[in-house]
PDB file of all heavy atoms in Angstrom:
ATOM      1  N   ILE A   1      39.543  15.143 -40.825  1.00  0.00           N
ATOM      2  CA  ILE A   1      40.395  13.948 -40.800  1.00  0.00           C
ATOM      3  C   ILE A   1      41.845  14.310 -41.100  1.00  0.00           C
ATOM      4  O   ILE A   1      42.705  13.427 -41.166  1.00  0.00           O
ATOM      5  CB  ILE A   1      39.899  12.875 -41.787  1.00  0.00           C
ATOM      6  CG1 ILE A   1      39.945  13.394 -43.225  1.00  0.00           C
ATOM      7  CG2 ILE A   1      38.513  12.395 -41.403  1.00  0.00           C
ATOM      8  CD1 ILE A   1      39.659  12.303 -44.257  1.00  0.00           C
ATOM      9  N   LEU A   2      42.132  15.603 -41.282  1.00  0.00           N
ATOM     10  CA  LEU A   2      43.507  16.032 -41.517  1.00  0.00           C
ATOM     11  C   LEU A   2      44.282  16.081 -40.201  1.00  0.00           C
ATOM     12  O   LEU A   2      43.707  16.388 -39.152  1.00  0.00           O
ATOM     13  CB  LEU A   2      43.536  17.417 -42.156  1.00  0.00           C
ATOM     14  CG  LEU A   2      42.962  17.581 -43.561  1.00  0.00           C
ATOM     15  CD1 LEU A   2      43.118  19.033 -43.998  1.00  0.00           C
ATOM     16  CD2 LEU A   2      43.629  16.652 -44.547  1.00  0.00           C
ATOM     17  N   PRO A   3      45.583  15.829 -40.224  1.00  0.00           N
ATOM     18  CA  PRO A   3      46.408  16.061 -39.027  1.00  0.00           C
ATOM     19  C   PRO A   3      46.309  17.528 -38.616  1.00  0.00           C
ATOM     20  O   PRO A   3      46.170  18.415 -39.473  1.00  0.00           O
ATOM     21  CB  PRO A   3      47.824  15.714 -39.509  1.00  0.00           C
ATOM     22  CG  PRO A   3      47.621  14.791 -40.663  1.00  0.00           C
ATOM     23  CD  PRO A   3      46.367  15.246 -41.340  1.00  0.00           C
ATOM     24  N   PRO A   4      46.368  17.811 -37.318  1.00  0.00           N
ATOM     25  CA  PRO A   4      46.172  19.191 -36.844  1.00  0.00           C
ATOM     26  C   PRO A   4      47.107  20.212 -37.491  1.00  0.00           C
ATOM     27  O   PRO A   4      46.698  21.342 -37.771  1.00  0.00           O
ATOM     28  CB  PRO A   4      46.423  19.081 -35.338  1.00  0.00           C
ATOM     29  CG  PRO A   4      46.123  17.661 -35.010  1.00  0.00           C
ATOM     30  CD  PRO A   4      46.540  16.873 -36.205  1.00  0.00           C
ATOM     31  N   ASP A   5      48.374  19.837 -37.715  1.00  0.00           N
ATOM     32  CA  ASP A   5      49.308  20.813 -38.287  1.00  0.00           C
ATOM     33  C   ASP A   5      48.930  21.167 -39.722  1.00  0.00           C
ATOM     34  O   ASP A   5      49.025  22.332 -40.131  1.00  0.00           O
ATOM     35  CB  ASP A   5      50.740  20.295 -38.210  1.00  0.00           C
ATOM     36  CG  ASP A   5      50.925  18.941 -38.873  1.00  0.00           C
ATOM     37  OD1 ASP A   5      49.943  18.175 -38.952  1.00  0.00           O
ATOM     38  OD2 ASP A   5      52.053  18.634 -39.309  1.00  0.00           O
ATOM     39  N   LEU A   6      48.471  20.181 -40.491  1.00  0.00           N
ATOM     40  CA  LEU A   6      48.046  20.465 -41.859  1.00  0.00           C
ATOM     41  C   LEU A   6      46.797  21.342 -41.867  1.00  0.00           C
ATOM     42  O   LEU A   6      46.695  22.298 -42.644  1.00  0.00           O
ATOM     43  CB  LEU A   6      47.751  19.157 -42.601  1.00  0.00           C
ATOM     44  CG  LEU A   6      48.885  18.488 -43.365  1.00  0.00           C
ATOM     45  CD1 LEU A   6      48.360  17.293 -44.135  1.00  0.00           C
ATOM     46  CD2 LEU A   6      49.578  19.474 -44.308  1.00  0.00           C
ATOM     47  N   PHE A   7      45.828  21.000 -41.035  1.00  0.00           N
ATOM     48  CA  PHE A   7      44.590  21.780 -40.996  1.00  0.00           C
ATOM     49  C   PHE A   7      44.880  23.228 -40.623  1.00  0.00           C
ATOM     50  O   PHE A   7      44.362  24.155 -41.248  1.00  0.00           O
ATOM     51  CB  PHE A   7      43.609  21.157 -40.004  1.00  0.00           C
ATOM     52  CG  PHE A   7      42.236  21.759 -40.084  1.00  0.00           C
ATOM     53  CD1 PHE A   7      41.294  21.266 -40.973  1.00  0.00           C
ATOM     54  CD2 PHE A   7      41.889  22.834 -39.280  1.00  0.00           C
ATOM     55  CE1 PHE A   7      40.029  21.828 -41.052  1.00  0.00           C
ATOM     56  CE2 PHE A   7      40.631  23.409 -39.350  1.00  0.00           C
ATOM     57  CZ  PHE A   7      39.696  22.900 -40.241  1.00  0.00           C
ATOM     58  N   GLN A   8      45.724  23.423 -39.637  1.00  0.00           N
ATOM     59  CA  GLN A   8      46.061  24.778 -39.193  1.00  0.00           C
ATOM     60  C   GLN A   8      46.749  25.558 -40.304  1.00  0.00           C
ATOM     61  O   GLN A   8      46.473  26.745 -40.517  1.00  0.00           O
ATOM     62  CB  GLN A   8      46.957  24.708 -37.956  1.00  0.00           C
ATOM     63  CG  GLN A   8      47.406  26.050 -37.408  1.00  0.00           C
ATOM     64  CD  GLN A   8      46.261  26.858 -36.832  1.00  0.00           C
ATOM     65  OE1 GLN A   8      45.225  26.298 -36.485  1.00  0.00           O
ATOM     66  NE2 GLN A   8      46.436  28.169 -36.726  1.00  0.00           N
ATOM     67  N   LYS A   9      47.654  24.905 -41.015  1.00  0.00           N
ATOM     68  CA  LYS A   9      48.388  25.579 -42.084  1.00  0.00           C
ATOM     69  C   LYS A   9      47.460  26.118 -43.155  1.00  0.00           C
ATOM     70  O   LYS A   9      47.591  27.274 -43.589  1.00  0.00           O
ATOM     71  CB  LYS A   9      49.392  24.601 -42.701  1.00  0.00           C
ATOM     72  CG  LYS A   9      50.151  25.161 -43.901  1.00  0.00           C
ATOM     73  CD  LYS A   9      51.117  24.129 -44.469  1.00  0.00           C
ATOM     74  CE  LYS A   9      51.846  24.671 -45.706  1.00  0.00           C
ATOM     75  NZ  LYS A   9      52.802  23.658 -46.250  1.00  0.00           N
ATOM     76  N   TYR A  10      46.494  25.323 -43.592  1.00  0.00           N
ATOM     77  CA  TYR A  10      45.643  25.717 -44.705  1.00  0.00           C
ATOM     78  C   TYR A  10      44.392  26.484 -44.276  1.00  0.00           C
ATOM     79  O   TYR A  10      43.687  27.036 -45.120  1.00  0.00           O
ATOM     80  CB  TYR A  10      45.279  24.491 -45.542  1.00  0.00           C
ATOM     81  CG  TYR A  10      46.469  24.001 -46.329  1.00  0.00           C
ATOM     82  CD1 TYR A  10      47.270  22.966 -45.848  1.00  0.00           C
ATOM     83  CD2 TYR A  10      46.841  24.599 -47.526  1.00  0.00           C
ATOM     84  CE1 TYR A  10      48.381  22.529 -46.545  1.00  0.00           C
ATOM     85  CE2 TYR A  10      47.950  24.177 -48.233  1.00  0.00           C
ATOM     86  CZ  TYR A  10      48.718  23.142 -47.741  1.00  0.00           C
ATOM     87  OH  TYR A  10      49.834  22.727 -48.426  1.00  0.00           O
ATOM     88  N   ALA A  11      44.151  26.540 -42.975  1.00  0.00           N
ATOM     89  CA  ALA A  11      43.020  27.317 -42.478  1.00  0.00           C
ATOM     90  C   ALA A  11      43.288  28.818 -42.514  1.00  0.00           C
ATOM     91  O   ALA A  11      42.383  29.620 -42.268  1.00  0.00           O
ATOM     92  CB  ALA A  11      42.681  26.886 -41.052  1.00  0.00           C
ATOM     93  N   GLN A  12      44.517  29.219 -42.824  1.00  0.00           N
ATOM     94  CA  GLN A  12      44.891  30.638 -42.804  1.00  0.00           C
ATOM     95  C   GLN A  12      44.735  31.328 -44.159  1.00  0.00           C
ATOM     96  O   GLN A  12      45.131  32.480 -44.305  1.00  0.00           O
ATOM     97  CB  GLN A  12      46.361  30.773 -42.354  1.00  0.00           C
ATOM     98  CG  GLN A  12      46.735  29.969 -41.124  1.00  0.00           C
ATOM     99  CD  GLN A  12      45.961  30.399 -39.905  1.00  0.00           C
ATOM    100  OE1 GLN A  12      45.779  31.588 -39.672  1.00  0.00           O
ATOM    101  NE2 GLN A  12      45.494  29.437 -39.128  1.00  0.00           N
ATOM    102  N   LEU A  13      44.182  30.651 -45.155  1.00  0.00           N
ATOM    103  CA  LEU A  13      44.281  31.136 -46.532  1.00  0.00           C
ATOM    104  C   LEU A  13      42.999  31.735 -47.107  1.00  0.00           C
ATOM    105  O   LEU A  13      42.892  31.916 -48.317  1.00  0.00           O
ATOM    106  CB  LEU A  13      44.753  29.982 -47.433  1.00  0.00           C
ATOM    107  CG  LEU A  13      46.080  29.337 -47.054  1.00  0.00           C
ATOM    108  CD1 LEU A  13      46.431  28.220 -48.029  1.00  0.00           C
ATOM    109  CD2 LEU A  13      47.196  30.375 -47.021  1.00  0.00           C
ATOM    110  N   SER A  14      42.040  32.067 -46.264  1.00  0.00           N
ATOM    111  CA  SER A  14      40.769  32.611 -46.760  1.00  0.00           C
ATOM    112  C   SER A  14      40.898  34.108 -47.034  1.00  0.00           C
ATOM    113  O   SER A  14      40.311  34.955 -46.352  1.00  0.00           O
ATOM    114  CB  SER A  14      39.650  32.325 -45.754  1.00  0.00           C
ATOM    115  OG  SER A  14      39.506  30.937 -45.541  1.00  0.00           O
ATOM    116  N   PHE A  15      41.645  34.446 -48.065  1.00  0.00           N
ATOM    117  CA  PHE A  15      41.960  35.852 -48.361  1.00  0.00           C
ATOM    118  C   PHE A  15      40.718  36.678 -48.655  1.00  0.00           C
ATOM    119  O   PHE A  15      40.709  37.903 -48.457  1.00  0.00           O
ATOM    120  CB  PHE A  15      42.932  35.936 -49.548  1.00  0.00           C
ATOM    121  CG  PHE A  15      42.324  35.583 -50.869  1.00  0.00           C
ATOM    122  CD1 PHE A  15      41.723  36.558 -51.655  1.00  0.00           C
ATOM    123  CD2 PHE A  15      42.343  34.274 -51.339  1.00  0.00           C
ATOM    124  CE1 PHE A  15      41.157  36.233 -52.883  1.00  0.00           C
ATOM    125  CE2 PHE A  15      41.784  33.940 -52.554  1.00  0.00           C
ATOM    126  CZ  PHE A  15      41.181  34.926 -53.335  1.00  0.00           C
ATOM    127  N   TRP A  16      39.657  36.069 -49.158  1.00  0.00           N
ATOM    128  CA  TRP A  16      38.460  36.812 -49.585  1.00  0.00           C
ATOM    129  C   TRP A  16      37.710  37.443 -48.419  1.00  0.00           C
ATOM    130  O   TRP A  16      36.882  38.317 -48.622  1.00  0.00           O
ATOM    131  CB  TRP A  16      37.524  35.877 -50.343  1.00  0.00           C
ATOM    132  CG  TRP A  16      37.177  34.637 -49.599  1.00  0.00           C
ATOM    133  CD1 TRP A  16      36.170  34.464 -48.687  1.00  0.00           C
ATOM    134  CD2 TRP A  16      37.870  33.385 -49.663  1.00  0.00           C
ATOM    135  NE1 TRP A  16      36.184  33.188 -48.188  1.00  0.00           N
ATOM    136  CE2 TRP A  16      37.217  32.497 -48.775  1.00  0.00           C
ATOM    137  CE3 TRP A  16      38.962  32.925 -50.402  1.00  0.00           C
ATOM    138  CZ2 TRP A  16      37.641  31.176 -48.604  1.00  0.00           C
ATOM    139  CZ3 TRP A  16      39.372  31.615 -50.222  1.00  0.00           C
ATOM    140  CH2 TRP A  16      38.712  30.748 -49.343  1.00  0.00           C
ATOM    141  N   ARG A  17      37.995  37.002 -47.195  1.00  0.00           N
ATOM    142  CA  ARG A  17      37.298  37.574 -46.041  1.00  0.00           C
ATOM    143  C   ARG A  17      37.857  38.929 -45.643  1.00  0.00           C
ATOM    144  O   ARG A  17      37.203  39.699 -44.943  1.00  0.00           O
ATOM    145  CB  ARG A  17      37.369  36.611 -44.849  1.00  0.00           C
ATOM    146  CG  ARG A  17      36.546  35.360 -45.056  1.00  0.00           C
ATOM    147  CD  ARG A  17      36.598  34.457 -43.865  1.00  0.00           C
ATOM    148  NE  ARG A  17      35.795  33.258 -44.089  1.00  0.00           N
ATOM    149  CZ  ARG A  17      35.844  32.178 -43.326  1.00  0.00           C
ATOM    150  NH1 ARG A  17      36.683  32.140 -42.302  1.00  0.00           N
ATOM    151  NH2 ARG A  17      35.084  31.134 -43.591  1.00  0.00           N
ATOM    152  N   GLU A  18      39.055  39.216 -46.053  1.00  0.00           N
ATOM    153  CA  GLU A  18      39.669  40.516 -45.756  1.00  0.00           C
ATOM    154  C   GLU A  18      40.218  41.110 -47.043  1.00  0.00           C
ATOM    155  O   GLU A  18      41.354  41.575 -47.095  1.00  0.00           O
ATOM    156  CB  GLU A  18      40.756  40.344 -44.695  1.00  0.00           C
ATOM    157  CG  GLU A  18      40.219  39.826 -43.365  1.00  0.00           C
ATOM    158  CD  GLU A  18      41.298  39.677 -42.308  1.00  0.00           C
ATOM    159  OE1 GLU A  18      42.457  39.999 -42.611  1.00  0.00           O
ATOM    160  OE2 GLU A  18      40.975  39.238 -41.198  1.00  0.00           O
ATOM    161  N   LEU A  19      39.390  41.093 -48.045  1.00  0.00           N
ATOM    162  CA  LEU A  19      39.790  41.541 -49.375  1.00  0.00           C
ATOM    163  C   LEU A  19      39.721  43.062 -49.442  1.00  0.00           C
ATOM    164  O   LEU A  19      38.649  43.662 -49.382  1.00  0.00           O
ATOM    165  CB  LEU A  19      38.857  40.915 -50.412  1.00  0.00           C
ATOM    166  CG  LEU A  19      39.289  40.924 -51.869  1.00  0.00           C
ATOM    167  CD1 LEU A  19      40.595  40.169 -52.064  1.00  0.00           C
ATOM    168  CD2 LEU A  19      38.192  40.308 -52.722  1.00  0.00           C
ATOM    169  N   THR A  20      40.880  43.698 -49.561  1.00  0.00           N
ATOM    170  CA  THR A  20      40.925  45.155 -49.648  1.00  0.00           C
ATOM    171  C   THR A  20      41.296  45.576 -51.069  1.00  0.00           C
ATOM    172  O   THR A  20      41.924  44.823 -51.810  1.00  0.00           O
ATOM    173  CB  THR A  20      41.960  45.727 -48.662  1.00  0.00           C
ATOM    174  OG1 THR A  20      43.248  45.151 -48.945  1.00  0.00           O
ATOM    175  CG2 THR A  20      41.565  45.396 -47.226  1.00  0.00           C
ATOM    176  N   ASP A  21      40.882  46.779 -51.446  1.00  0.00           N
ATOM    177  CA  ASP A  21      41.200  47.343 -52.758  1.00  0.00           C
ATOM    178  C   ASP A  21      40.699  46.452 -53.893  1.00  0.00           C
ATOM    179  O   ASP A  21      41.344  46.326 -54.937  1.00  0.00           O
ATOM    180  CB  ASP A  21      42.713  47.560 -52.901  1.00  0.00           C
ATOM    181  CG  ASP A  21      43.255  48.509 -51.842  1.00  0.00           C
ATOM    182  OD1 ASP A  21      42.558  49.489 -51.546  1.00  0.00           O
ATOM    183  OD2 ASP A  21      44.352  48.266 -51.327  1.00  0.00           O
ATOM    184  N   SER A  22      39.547  45.843 -53.704  1.00  0.00           N
ATOM    185  CA  SER A  22      38.946  45.005 -54.736  1.00  0.00           C
ATOM    186  C   SER A  22      37.484  45.396 -54.902  1.00  0.00           C
ATOM    187  O   SER A  22      36.794  45.702 -53.922  1.00  0.00           O
ATOM    188  CB  SER A  22      39.042  43.523 -54.371  1.00  0.00           C
ATOM    189  OG  SER A  22      38.302  42.738 -55.286  1.00  0.00           O
ATOM    190  N   LYS A  23      37.006  45.361 -56.130  1.00  0.00           N
ATOM    191  CA  LYS A  23      35.612  45.679 -56.422  1.00  0.00           C
ATOM    192  C   LYS A  23      34.736  44.429 -56.498  1.00  0.00           C
ATOM    193  O   LYS A  23      33.563  44.512 -56.861  1.00  0.00           O
ATOM    194  CB  LYS A  23      35.523  46.457 -57.734  1.00  0.00           C
ATOM    195  CG  LYS A  23      36.183  47.828 -57.687  1.00  0.00           C
ATOM    196  CD  LYS A  23      36.027  48.562 -59.010  1.00  0.00           C
ATOM    197  CE  LYS A  23      36.682  49.938 -58.957  1.00  0.00           C
ATOM    198  NZ  LYS A  23      36.550  50.662 -60.247  1.00  0.00           N
ATOM    199  N   ALA A  24      35.302  43.284 -56.168  1.00  0.00           N
ATOM    200  CA  ALA A  24      34.520  42.046 -56.215  1.00  0.00           C
ATOM    201  C   ALA A  24      33.421  42.075 -55.155  1.00  0.00           C
ATOM    202  O   ALA A  24      33.620  42.549 -54.040  1.00  0.00           O
ATOM    203  CB  ALA A  24      35.429  40.841 -55.992  1.00  0.00           C
ATOM    204  N   PHE A  25      32.248  41.573 -55.507  1.00  0.00           N
ATOM    205  CA  PHE A  25      31.152  41.438 -54.558  1.00  0.00           C
ATOM    206  C   PHE A  25      31.345  40.126 -53.791  1.00  0.00           C
ATOM    207  O   PHE A  25      31.843  39.151 -54.343  1.00  0.00           O
ATOM    208  CB  PHE A  25      29.807  41.438 -55.285  1.00  0.00           C
ATOM    209  CG  PHE A  25      29.457  42.765 -55.896  1.00  0.00           C
ATOM    210  CD1 PHE A  25      30.025  43.166 -57.091  1.00  0.00           C
ATOM    211  CD2 PHE A  25      28.562  43.615 -55.270  1.00  0.00           C
ATOM    212  CE1 PHE A  25      29.717  44.394 -57.659  1.00  0.00           C
ATOM    213  CE2 PHE A  25      28.241  44.851 -55.826  1.00  0.00           C
ATOM    214  CZ  PHE A  25      28.821  45.241 -57.017  1.00  0.00           C
ATOM    215  N   ARG A  26      30.908  40.126 -52.528  1.00  0.00           N
ATOM    216  CA  ARG A  26      31.138  38.939 -51.712  1.00  0.00           C
ATOM    217  C   ARG A  26      29.945  38.623 -50.829  1.00  0.00           C
ATOM    218  O   ARG A  26      29.277  39.528 -50.333  1.00  0.00           O
ATOM    219  CB  ARG A  26      32.374  39.145 -50.822  1.00  0.00           C
ATOM    220  CG  ARG A  26      33.683  39.103 -51.570  1.00  0.00           C
ATOM    221  CD  ARG A  26      34.828  39.569 -50.691  1.00  0.00           C
ATOM    222  NE  ARG A  26      34.731  41.005 -50.451  1.00  0.00           N
ATOM    223  CZ  ARG A  26      35.183  41.606 -49.351  1.00  0.00           C
ATOM    224  NH1 ARG A  26      35.737  40.901 -48.396  1.00  0.00           N
ATOM    225  NH2 ARG A  26      35.084  42.912 -49.221  1.00  0.00           N
ATOM    226  N   ILE A  27      29.697  37.338 -50.658  1.00  0.00           N
ATOM    227  CA  ILE A  27      28.717  36.854 -49.683  1.00  0.00           C
ATOM    228  C   ILE A  27      29.496  35.987 -48.716  1.00  0.00           C
ATOM    229  O   ILE A  27      29.838  34.842 -49.016  1.00  0.00           O
ATOM    230  CB  ILE A  27      27.594  36.058 -50.359  1.00  0.00           C
ATOM    231  CG1 ILE A  27      26.909  36.891 -51.444  1.00  0.00           C
ATOM    232  CG2 ILE A  27      26.559  35.616 -49.321  1.00  0.00           C
ATOM    233  CD1 ILE A  27      25.869  36.119 -52.247  1.00  0.00           C
ATOM    234  N   THR A  28      29.831  36.566 -47.570  1.00  0.00           N
ATOM    235  CA  THR A  28      30.725  35.889 -46.629  1.00  0.00           C
ATOM    236  C   THR A  28      30.142  35.923 -45.221  1.00  0.00           C
ATOM    237  O   THR A  28      29.124  36.565 -44.964  1.00  0.00           O
ATOM    238  CB  THR A  28      32.115  36.556 -46.610  1.00  0.00           C
ATOM    239  OG1 THR A  28      32.007  37.837 -45.978  1.00  0.00           O
ATOM    240  CG2 THR A  28      32.665  36.724 -48.008  1.00  0.00           C
ATOM    241  N   SER A  29      30.834  35.256 -44.323  1.00  0.00           N
ATOM    242  CA  SER A  29      30.380  35.176 -42.934  1.00  0.00           C
ATOM    243  C   SER A  29      31.113  36.144 -42.022  1.00  0.00           C
ATOM    244  O   SER A  29      30.858  36.177 -40.833  1.00  0.00           O
ATOM    245  CB  SER A  29      30.571  33.745 -42.407  1.00  0.00           C
ATOM    246  OG  SER A  29      31.930  33.370 -42.499  1.00  0.00           O
ATOM    247  N   LYS A  30      32.026  36.922 -42.585  1.00  0.00           N
ATOM    248  CA  LYS A  30      32.836  37.808 -41.750  1.00  0.00           C
ATOM    249  C   LYS A  30      32.782  39.216 -42.320  1.00  0.00           C
ATOM    250  O   LYS A  30      33.142  39.460 -43.463  1.00  0.00           O
ATOM    251  CB  LYS A  30      34.282  37.321 -41.697  1.00  0.00           C
ATOM    252  CG  LYS A  30      35.163  38.084 -40.706  1.00  0.00           C
ATOM    253  CD  LYS A  30      36.537  37.424 -40.629  1.00  0.00           C
ATOM    254  CE  LYS A  30      37.425  38.136 -39.624  1.00  0.00           C
ATOM    255  NZ  LYS A  30      38.755  37.510 -39.537  1.00  0.00           N
ATOM    256  N   ALA A  31      32.328  40.167 -41.542  1.00  0.00           N
ATOM    257  CA  ALA A  31      32.113  41.521 -42.035  1.00  0.00           C
ATOM    258  C   ALA A  31      33.396  42.331 -42.075  1.00  0.00           C
ATOM    259  O   ALA A  31      34.251  42.220 -41.224  1.00  0.00           O
ATOM    260  CB  ALA A  31      31.105  42.243 -41.135  1.00  0.00           C
ATOM    261  N   VAL A  32      33.507  43.150 -43.106  1.00  0.00           N
ATOM    262  CA  VAL A  32      34.538  44.183 -43.172  1.00  0.00           C
ATOM    263  C   VAL A  32      33.777  45.477 -43.423  1.00  0.00           C
ATOM    264  O   VAL A  32      33.339  45.754 -44.523  1.00  0.00           O
ATOM    265  CB  VAL A  32      35.546  43.905 -44.306  1.00  0.00           C
ATOM    266  CG1 VAL A  32      36.591  45.003 -44.353  1.00  0.00           C
ATOM    267  CG2 VAL A  32      36.222  42.553 -44.094  1.00  0.00           C
ATOM    268  N   GLN A  33      33.577  46.247 -42.376  1.00  0.00           N
ATOM    269  CA  GLN A  33      32.610  47.329 -42.418  1.00  0.00           C
ATOM    270  C   GLN A  33      32.906  48.393 -43.475  1.00  0.00           C
ATOM    271  O   GLN A  33      32.012  49.044 -43.974  1.00  0.00           O
ATOM    272  CB  GLN A  33      32.535  47.998 -41.036  1.00  0.00           C
ATOM    273  CG  GLN A  33      32.076  47.045 -39.932  1.00  0.00           C
ATOM    274  CD  GLN A  33      30.660  46.556 -40.150  1.00  0.00           C
ATOM    275  OE1 GLN A  33      29.846  47.238 -40.747  1.00  0.00           O
ATOM    276  NE2 GLN A  33      30.372  45.356 -39.678  1.00  0.00           N
ATOM    277  N   SER A  34      34.155  48.555 -43.841  1.00  0.00           N
ATOM    278  CA  SER A  34      34.513  49.620 -44.774  1.00  0.00           C
ATOM    279  C   SER A  34      34.297  49.233 -46.229  1.00  0.00           C
ATOM    280  O   SER A  34      34.531  50.047 -47.108  1.00  0.00           O
ATOM    281  CB  SER A  34      35.982  50.007 -44.572  1.00  0.00           C
ATOM    282  OG  SER A  34      36.822  48.900 -44.854  1.00  0.00           O
ATOM    283  N   GLU A  35      33.848  48.010 -46.484  1.00  0.00           N
ATOM    284  CA  GLU A  35      33.725  47.549 -47.864  1.00  0.00           C
ATOM    285  C   GLU A  35      32.271  47.266 -48.196  1.00  0.00           C
ATOM    286  O   GLU A  35      31.718  46.227 -47.828  1.00  0.00           O
ATOM    287  CB  GLU A  35      34.584  46.301 -48.071  1.00  0.00           C
ATOM    288  CG  GLU A  35      36.050  46.588 -47.812  1.00  0.00           C
ATOM    289  CD  GLU A  35      36.893  45.343 -47.982  1.00  0.00           C
ATOM    290  OE1 GLU A  35      36.841  44.728 -49.058  1.00  0.00           O
ATOM    291  OE2 GLU A  35      37.598  44.995 -47.038  1.00  0.00           O
ATOM    292  N   PRO A  36      31.589  48.183 -48.888  1.00  0.00           N
ATOM    293  CA  PRO A  36      30.152  48.051 -49.120  1.00  0.00           C
ATOM    294  C   PRO A  36      29.775  46.911 -50.037  1.00  0.00           C
ATOM    295  O   PRO A  36      28.620  46.523 -50.077  1.00  0.00           O
ATOM    296  CB  PRO A  36      29.782  49.400 -49.754  1.00  0.00           C
ATOM    297  CG  PRO A  36      31.051  49.901 -50.366  1.00  0.00           C
ATOM    298  CD  PRO A  36      32.126  49.425 -49.450  1.00  0.00           C
ATOM    299  N   GLN A  37      30.725  46.360 -50.806  1.00  0.00           N
ATOM    300  CA  GLN A  37      30.365  45.265 -51.703  1.00  0.00           C
ATOM    301  C   GLN A  37      30.147  43.951 -50.978  1.00  0.00           C
ATOM    302  O   GLN A  37      29.725  42.981 -51.571  1.00  0.00           O
ATOM    303  CB  GLN A  37      31.458  45.048 -52.769  1.00  0.00           C
ATOM    304  CG  GLN A  37      31.458  46.082 -53.870  1.00  0.00           C
ATOM    305  CD  GLN A  37      32.408  47.209 -53.567  1.00  0.00           C
ATOM    306  OE1 GLN A  37      33.094  47.183 -52.564  1.00  0.00           O
ATOM    307  NE2 GLN A  37      32.437  48.206 -54.418  1.00  0.00           N
ATOM    308  N   GLN A  38      30.439  43.900 -49.689  1.00  0.00           N
ATOM    309  CA  GLN A  38      30.338  42.630 -48.973  1.00  0.00           C
ATOM    310  C   GLN A  38      28.961  42.477 -48.346  1.00  0.00           C
ATOM    311  O   GLN A  38      28.474  43.359 -47.654  1.00  0.00           O
ATOM    312  CB  GLN A  38      31.403  42.526 -47.889  1.00  0.00           C
ATOM    313  CG  GLN A  38      31.270  41.257 -47.044  1.00  0.00           C
ATOM    314  CD  GLN A  38      32.571  40.831 -46.445  1.00  0.00           C
ATOM    315  OE1 GLN A  38      33.568  40.751 -47.141  1.00  0.00           O
ATOM    316  NE2 GLN A  38      32.582  40.556 -45.166  1.00  0.00           N
ATOM    317  N   HIS A  39      28.329  41.342 -48.598  1.00  0.00           N
ATOM    318  CA  HIS A  39      27.091  40.966 -47.930  1.00  0.00           C
ATOM    319  C   HIS A  39      27.439  39.948 -46.853  1.00  0.00           C
ATOM    320  O   HIS A  39      27.966  38.891 -47.150  1.00  0.00           O
ATOM    321  CB  HIS A  39      26.089  40.361 -48.911  1.00  0.00           C
ATOM    322  CG  HIS A  39      25.624  41.322 -49.964  1.00  0.00           C
ATOM    323  ND1 HIS A  39      24.639  42.253 -49.721  1.00  0.00           N
ATOM    324  CD2 HIS A  39      26.015  41.491 -51.242  1.00  0.00           C
ATOM    325  CE1 HIS A  39      24.432  42.960 -50.824  1.00  0.00           C
ATOM    326  NE2 HIS A  39      25.251  42.515 -51.766  1.00  0.00           N
TER     327      HIS A  39
END
């Protein structure tokens, strides 16, 4: 129900999907093959 420009602006902020140099474990929908902590 958000205006398209607002939705687009905030849709870019999922930093955890491309989290580099972090030891945090993740259960996500997007693979980063070089990071073994990601499920």
